[in-house]
């Protein structure tokens, strides 16, 4: 929360080469689509999860929303040392794992919405983020305890695969196995239907 203004907060790796920059762009675009006035009806705060990132890294990362100047002006990019980042992510239950081989973070992709009074109103997935629930959360009209199945699936899948990177491969193999099983079932069904119609 900033000066009694509702707040959308996301975490990012400022040197991420994969999902962070598109995630920022998506979040900013959906905020713009709400029709709310940036800086008055909401602010966007991005917290860097890599304590090694520099101010220059943060500034370069912010260029991703340069085409949305109103939202960009209402956005702040924050950095902190390792202890501060750890305390912040733990306080919000945010999961992230550093992969030294790739020098990247596998992490959750969520948007935290805080009301004007500083309370956490909603936790929305960046994947499949929609302007309607985003606006409802920012204006205090988000139903308490709301958790639709799309939100649950998006957060669980991304949470296991990204925030807990060690589970990514088992989940991928499980999904591949499920796909093969579904194809086999479809083939058996098609064969039985073919025999019945002969």
Protein backbone atom coordinates (compact mmCIF):
# COMPACT_ATOMS: atom_id res chain seq x y z
CA UNK A 1 0.00 0.00 0.00
CA UNK A 2 1.23 3.49 -0.82
CA UNK A 3 -0.43 6.51 0.85
CA UNK A 4 -3.78 4.74 1.17
CA UNK A 5 -3.76 3.61 -2.48
CA UNK A 6 -4.53 -0.02 -3.38
CA UNK A 7 -1.46 -1.89 -4.46
CA UNK A 8 -0.66 -4.63 -6.95
CA UNK A 9 2.60 -6.35 -6.06
CA UNK A 10 4.64 -8.84 -8.05
CA UNK A 11 8.05 -10.42 -7.56
CA UNK A 12 10.57 -10.67 -10.40
CA UNK A 13 14.13 -11.51 -11.28
CA UNK A 14 15.31 -8.36 -13.05
CA UNK A 15 17.72 -10.31 -15.24
CA UNK A 16 15.31 -13.15 -16.02
CA UNK A 17 15.45 -14.21 -19.67
CA UNK A 18 12.16 -16.10 -19.66
CA UNK A 19 8.88 -15.28 -17.91
CA UNK A 20 9.50 -12.24 -15.72
CA UNK A 21 9.44 -9.55 -18.39
CA UNK A 22 6.33 -10.96 -20.13
CA UNK A 23 4.75 -11.35 -16.69
CA UNK A 24 5.33 -7.67 -15.94
CA UNK A 25 3.93 -6.67 -19.33
CA UNK A 26 0.87 -8.86 -18.86
CA UNK A 27 0.20 -7.49 -15.38
CA UNK A 28 0.57 -3.88 -16.54
CA UNK A 29 -1.67 -4.48 -19.54
CA UNK A 30 -4.41 -5.99 -17.39
CA UNK A 31 -4.14 -3.11 -14.94
CA UNK A 32 -4.63 -0.70 -17.83
CA UNK A 33 -7.63 -2.71 -19.03
CA UNK A 34 -9.36 -2.24 -15.67
CA UNK A 35 -9.99 1.39 -16.61
CA UNK A 36 -8.79 2.51 -13.18
CA UNK A 37 -6.54 5.57 -12.96
CA UNK A 38 -2.90 4.58 -12.32
CA UNK A 39 -1.40 6.35 -9.33
CA UNK A 40 -4.83 7.23 -7.93
CA UNK A 41 -6.79 3.98 -7.98
CA UNK A 42 -3.75 1.71 -7.79
CA UNK A 43 0.02 1.46 -7.78
CA UNK A 44 2.16 -1.37 -9.06
CA UNK A 45 5.22 -2.46 -7.08
CA UNK A 46 7.80 -4.94 -8.33
CA UNK A 47 10.21 -6.50 -5.83
CA UNK A 48 13.42 -8.04 -7.14
CA UNK A 49 14.12 -11.53 -5.81
CA UNK A 50 17.80 -11.60 -6.81
CA UNK A 51 19.82 -9.48 -4.34
CA UNK A 52 22.65 -9.31 -6.87
CA UNK A 53 20.56 -7.34 -9.37
CA UNK A 54 21.60 -3.71 -9.75
CA UNK A 55 19.67 -0.48 -10.16
CA UNK A 56 20.57 -0.59 -13.85
CA UNK A 57 19.07 -4.08 -14.09
CA UNK A 58 15.84 -2.84 -12.53
CA UNK A 59 15.68 0.16 -14.87
CA UNK A 60 16.28 -2.03 -17.90
CA UNK A 61 13.63 -4.48 -16.72
CA UNK A 62 11.13 -1.63 -16.37
CA UNK A 63 11.47 -0.75 -20.04
CA UNK A 64 9.12 -3.66 -20.76
CA UNK A 65 6.17 -1.42 -19.87
CA UNK A 66 7.47 1.70 -21.59
CA UNK A 67 4.58 1.53 -24.04
CA UNK A 68 2.16 2.02 -21.12
CA UNK A 69 3.46 5.31 -19.67
CA UNK A 70 0.55 5.89 -17.29
CA UNK A 71 1.06 2.50 -15.63
CA UNK A 72 4.85 2.89 -15.79
CA UNK A 73 4.68 6.18 -13.85
CA UNK A 74 2.66 4.45 -11.13
CA UNK A 75 5.16 1.59 -10.87
CA UNK A 76 8.07 1.25 -8.45
CA UNK A 77 10.90 -1.25 -8.79
CA UNK A 78 12.45 -2.24 -5.48
CA UNK A 79 15.63 -4.10 -4.58
CA UNK A 80 16.99 -5.40 -1.31
CA UNK A 81 19.79 -7.41 0.24
CA UNK A 82 19.45 -11.17 0.70
CA UNK A 83 18.05 -10.90 4.23
CA UNK A 84 15.39 -8.37 3.20
CA UNK A 85 14.34 -10.38 0.15
CA UNK A 86 14.11 -13.57 2.20
CA UNK A 87 12.05 -11.89 4.93
CA UNK A 88 9.67 -10.38 2.38
CA UNK A 89 9.10 -13.54 0.38
CA UNK A 90 8.62 -15.62 3.53
CA UNK A 91 6.12 -13.14 4.94
CA UNK A 92 3.97 -13.51 1.83
CA UNK A 93 4.55 -17.22 1.34
CA UNK A 94 6.22 -16.62 -2.00
CA UNK A 95 8.16 -19.58 -3.38
CA UNK A 96 11.35 -19.26 -5.40
CA UNK A 97 14.34 -21.53 -5.96
CA UNK A 98 17.71 -20.49 -7.37
CA UNK A 99 19.16 -22.68 -10.11
CA UNK A 100 22.93 -22.07 -10.13
CA UNK A 101 23.42 -24.02 -13.36
CA UNK A 102 21.17 -21.63 -15.27
CA UNK A 103 21.83 -18.64 -12.99
CA UNK A 104 18.07 -18.10 -12.90
CA UNK A 105 15.25 -18.38 -10.38
CA UNK A 106 12.35 -20.79 -10.72
CA UNK A 107 9.51 -18.99 -9.01
CA UNK A 108 5.81 -18.55 -8.50
CA UNK A 109 3.98 -16.11 -10.78
CA UNK A 110 1.35 -14.35 -8.70
CA UNK A 111 -0.09 -10.88 -8.28
CA UNK A 112 -0.70 -9.82 -4.69
CA UNK A 113 -3.47 -7.24 -4.29
CA UNK A 114 -3.50 -5.09 -1.16
CA UNK A 115 -6.36 -2.78 -0.25
CA UNK A 116 -6.08 0.86 0.76
CA UNK A 117 -5.92 -0.27 4.39
CA UNK A 118 -2.92 -2.52 3.73
CA UNK A 119 -4.78 -5.83 3.96
CA UNK A 120 -4.10 -8.57 1.43
CA UNK A 121 -7.28 -8.74 -0.65
CA UNK A 122 -6.47 -11.31 -3.31
CA UNK A 123 -3.74 -13.50 -4.73
CA UNK A 124 -4.17 -13.86 -8.49
CA UNK A 125 -2.15 -15.91 -10.97
CA UNK A 126 -0.26 -13.97 -13.64
CA UNK A 127 -0.98 -16.86 -15.98
CA UNK A 128 -4.51 -16.19 -17.19
CA UNK A 129 -4.80 -12.89 -15.35
CA UNK A 130 -8.04 -11.10 -16.24
CA UNK A 131 -8.96 -7.44 -15.85
CA UNK A 132 -12.35 -8.13 -14.22
CA UNK A 133 -11.18 -9.90 -11.03
CA UNK A 134 -8.18 -7.57 -10.90
CA UNK A 135 -10.46 -4.53 -10.88
CA UNK A 136 -12.75 -6.15 -8.33
CA UNK A 137 -9.82 -6.74 -5.99
CA UNK A 138 -8.41 -3.22 -6.40
CA UNK A 139 -11.80 -1.62 -5.75
CA UNK A 140 -12.57 -3.78 -2.72
CA UNK A 141 -15.30 -5.80 -4.45
CA UNK A 142 -13.47 -9.12 -4.57
CA UNK A 143 -15.49 -11.82 -2.76
CA UNK A 144 -13.78 -12.93 0.45
CA UNK A 145 -12.38 -16.42 0.13
CA UNK A 146 -13.00 -16.59 -3.61
CA UNK A 147 -11.03 -19.37 -5.27
CA UNK A 148 -12.29 -20.52 -8.66
CA UNK A 149 -10.91 -23.67 -10.25
CA UNK A 150 -8.92 -21.83 -12.91
CA UNK A 151 -7.07 -19.89 -10.22
CA UNK A 152 -6.39 -23.05 -8.23
CA UNK A 153 -5.11 -25.00 -11.24
CA UNK A 154 -2.92 -22.15 -12.50
CA UNK A 155 -1.32 -21.53 -9.12
CA UNK A 156 -0.84 -25.19 -8.21
CA UNK A 157 0.68 -26.15 -11.56
CA UNK A 158 2.93 -23.14 -11.79
CA UNK A 159 3.71 -23.30 -8.09
CA UNK A 160 4.98 -26.88 -8.23
CA UNK A 161 6.82 -26.52 -11.51
CA UNK A 162 8.39 -23.13 -10.88
CA UNK A 163 8.52 -22.38 -7.18
CA UNK A 164 9.57 -25.96 -6.46
CA UNK A 165 11.71 -26.61 -9.50
CA UNK A 166 12.75 -30.09 -8.39
CA UNK A 167 9.18 -31.29 -9.07
CA UNK A 168 9.06 -29.88 -12.59
CA UNK A 169 10.28 -33.01 -14.38
CA UNK A 170 8.03 -35.48 -12.48
CA UNK A 171 5.02 -33.30 -13.24
CA UNK A 172 5.98 -33.10 -16.91
CA UNK A 173 6.41 -36.89 -17.09
CA UNK A 174 3.10 -37.38 -15.31
CA UNK A 175 1.30 -35.11 -17.77
CA UNK A 176 2.92 -36.89 -20.70
CA UNK A 177 1.85 -40.26 -19.27
CA UNK A 178 -1.68 -38.97 -18.81
CA UNK A 179 -1.74 -37.76 -22.41
CA UNK A 180 -0.64 -41.19 -23.66
CA UNK A 181 -3.30 -42.87 -21.52
CA UNK A 182 -6.01 -40.57 -22.88
CA UNK A 183 -4.90 -41.30 -26.44
CA UNK A 184 -5.03 -45.05 -25.78
CA UNK A 185 -8.52 -44.74 -24.28
CA UNK A 186 -9.65 -42.73 -27.30
CA UNK A 187 -8.21 -45.36 -29.65
CA UNK A 188 -9.96 -48.20 -27.79
CA UNK A 189 -13.25 -46.28 -27.84
CA UNK A 190 -12.90 -45.55 -31.55
CA UNK A 191 -12.18 -49.24 -32.25
CA UNK A 192 -15.22 -50.40 -30.27
CA UNK A 193 -17.46 -47.90 -32.04
CA UNK A 194 -16.08 -49.07 -35.39
CA UNK A 195 -16.89 -52.69 -34.53
CA UNK A 196 -20.43 -51.82 -33.41
CA UNK A 197 -21.17 -49.89 -36.60
CA UNK A 198 -19.86 -52.58 -38.95
